[in-house]
Protein backbone atom coordinates (compact mmCIF):
# COMPACT_ATOMS: atom_id res chain seq x y z
CA MET A 1 -30.64 10.08 93.85
CA ALA A 2 -28.91 10.58 90.51
CA ALA A 3 -27.78 6.94 90.49
CA ALA A 4 -31.34 5.78 91.15
CA ALA A 5 -32.67 8.07 88.42
CA LEU A 6 -30.11 6.79 85.93
CA THR A 7 -30.98 3.20 86.81
CA PHE A 8 -34.68 3.92 86.32
CA VAL A 9 -33.96 5.42 82.90
CA ALA A 10 -31.42 2.81 81.80
CA ALA A 11 -33.33 -0.33 82.71
CA PRO A 12 -36.97 0.34 83.63
CA GLN A 13 -38.41 -2.85 82.14
CA GLU A 14 -35.72 -5.02 83.67
CA LEU A 15 -36.40 -3.56 87.10
CA VAL A 16 -40.15 -4.14 86.87
CA ARG A 17 -39.58 -7.62 85.47
CA LEU A 18 -37.93 -8.51 88.80
CA PHE A 19 -41.38 -8.27 90.37
CA THR A 20 -43.75 -9.63 87.73
CA PRO A 21 -43.83 -11.47 84.40
CA ASP A 22 -47.08 -9.70 83.36
CA ARG A 23 -46.38 -7.67 80.20
CA ALA A 24 -49.06 -5.07 80.90
CA VAL A 25 -47.69 -4.46 84.38
CA ILE A 26 -44.14 -4.27 83.02
CA ALA A 27 -45.18 -1.67 80.43
CA THR A 28 -47.04 0.45 82.98
CA GLY A 29 -44.31 0.08 85.60
CA ALA A 30 -41.59 1.03 83.12
CA SER A 31 -43.42 4.24 82.19
CA LEU A 32 -43.89 5.06 85.86
CA LEU A 33 -40.19 4.52 86.51
CA LEU A 34 -39.41 7.17 83.92
CA VAL A 35 -41.57 9.62 85.87
CA ALA A 36 -39.92 8.44 89.10
CA ALA A 37 -36.50 9.08 87.57
CA ALA A 38 -37.46 12.70 87.01
CA PHE A 39 -38.60 13.27 90.58
CA GLN A 40 -35.70 11.43 92.27
CA LEU A 41 -33.48 14.50 92.32
CA PHE A 42 -36.23 16.74 93.64
CA ASP A 43 -37.21 14.19 96.28
CA GLY A 44 -33.64 14.14 97.55
CA LEU A 45 -33.47 17.94 97.47
CA GLN A 46 -36.74 18.19 99.38
CA ALA A 47 -35.60 15.71 102.03
CA VAL A 48 -32.27 17.47 102.59
CA THR A 49 -33.66 21.01 102.65
CA THR A 50 -36.44 19.93 105.03
CA GLY A 51 -33.82 18.53 107.39
CA VAL A 52 -31.60 21.59 107.11
CA LEU A 53 -34.46 23.98 107.80
CA ARG A 54 -35.59 21.93 110.77
CA GLY A 55 -32.02 21.96 112.04
CA LEU A 56 -32.08 25.74 111.80
CA GLY A 57 -35.25 25.76 113.89
CA ASP A 58 -37.63 26.44 111.00
CA THR A 59 -40.31 23.76 111.09
CA ARG A 60 -43.12 25.95 109.82
CA THR A 61 -41.77 26.51 106.29
CA PRO A 62 -41.39 22.79 105.49
CA MET A 63 -44.85 22.06 106.91
CA LEU A 64 -46.57 24.81 104.94
CA SER A 65 -44.60 24.05 101.78
CA ASN A 66 -45.59 20.40 101.91
CA LEU A 67 -49.21 21.26 102.64
CA VAL A 68 -49.48 23.66 99.72
CA GLY A 69 -47.24 21.76 97.31
CA HIS A 70 -48.80 18.35 97.77
CA TRP A 71 -52.41 19.06 98.68
CA LEU A 72 -53.14 22.31 96.83
CA LEU A 73 -50.91 21.82 93.78
CA GLY A 74 -49.89 18.18 93.30
CA LEU A 75 -53.17 16.47 94.12
CA PRO A 76 -55.43 18.70 91.98
CA VAL A 77 -53.03 18.53 89.01
CA SER A 78 -52.84 14.75 89.44
CA TYR A 79 -56.62 14.52 89.41
CA VAL A 80 -56.94 16.61 86.27
CA LEU A 81 -54.18 14.79 84.38
CA CYS A 82 -55.39 11.36 85.47
CA PHE A 83 -59.13 11.66 85.01
CA HIS A 84 -59.82 14.65 82.76
CA ALA A 85 -56.80 14.60 80.45
CA GLY A 86 -56.98 10.82 80.21
CA TRP A 87 -53.34 10.20 81.15
CA GLY A 88 -54.24 7.59 83.75
CA VAL A 89 -51.76 6.56 86.39
CA VAL A 90 -48.89 8.32 84.60
CA GLY A 91 -50.79 11.61 84.89
CA LEU A 92 -51.34 10.90 88.56
CA TRP A 93 -47.61 10.43 89.12
CA ILE A 94 -46.72 13.48 87.03
CA GLY A 95 -49.03 15.68 89.09
CA LEU A 96 -47.66 14.40 92.36
CA SER A 97 -44.12 14.85 91.04
CA LEU A 98 -44.95 18.44 90.13
CA GLY A 99 -46.08 19.08 93.70
CA LEU A 100 -42.91 17.48 95.07
CA THR A 101 -40.76 19.56 92.72
CA ALA A 102 -42.50 22.76 93.80
CA VAL A 103 -41.93 21.89 97.47
CA ALA A 104 -38.24 21.20 96.83
CA LEU A 105 -37.71 24.49 95.02
CA VAL A 106 -39.57 26.53 97.65
CA LEU A 107 -37.57 24.91 100.44
CA LEU A 108 -34.31 25.52 98.58
CA ALA A 109 -35.24 29.19 98.12
CA SER A 110 -36.13 29.46 101.81
CA TRP A 111 -32.83 27.89 102.84
CA SER A 112 -30.93 30.23 100.53
CA ALA A 113 -32.74 33.24 101.98
CA GLN A 114 -31.88 32.12 105.50
CA ILE A 115 -28.21 31.75 104.56
CA VAL A 116 -28.17 35.28 103.12
CA ALA A 117 -29.85 36.65 106.25
CA PHE A 118 -27.38 34.80 108.48
CA ARG A 119 -24.42 36.25 106.58
CA ARG A 120 -25.79 39.77 106.93
CA VAL A 121 -26.13 39.35 110.68
CA ARG A 122 -22.57 38.06 111.01
CA LEU A 123 -21.11 40.94 108.99
């Protein structure tokens, strides 16, 4: 995820140019890749912690975290940034990235709490 993020930061226009010669699309795509670079690490964290929690038998926490993080946080913030703050598609992506980041951090905290509880039981 870090390698993808670094690539998005280092060469956003070149990456978008692989798909289109349109300058407006390249400019918009490059700005979106900078937002994508920021959420790459949190997306990876969210995917791994979701898998770990499911492996531990906890499927409810990932489900509820994703529901709240994406639908009750990310989507409303995206709407406000996109349409009311006038940030357009970049605001939409920032809001959704905020929701994803919140989910990742909640899942990491839940995993950490389960590790602490497991250690207490074993001692």
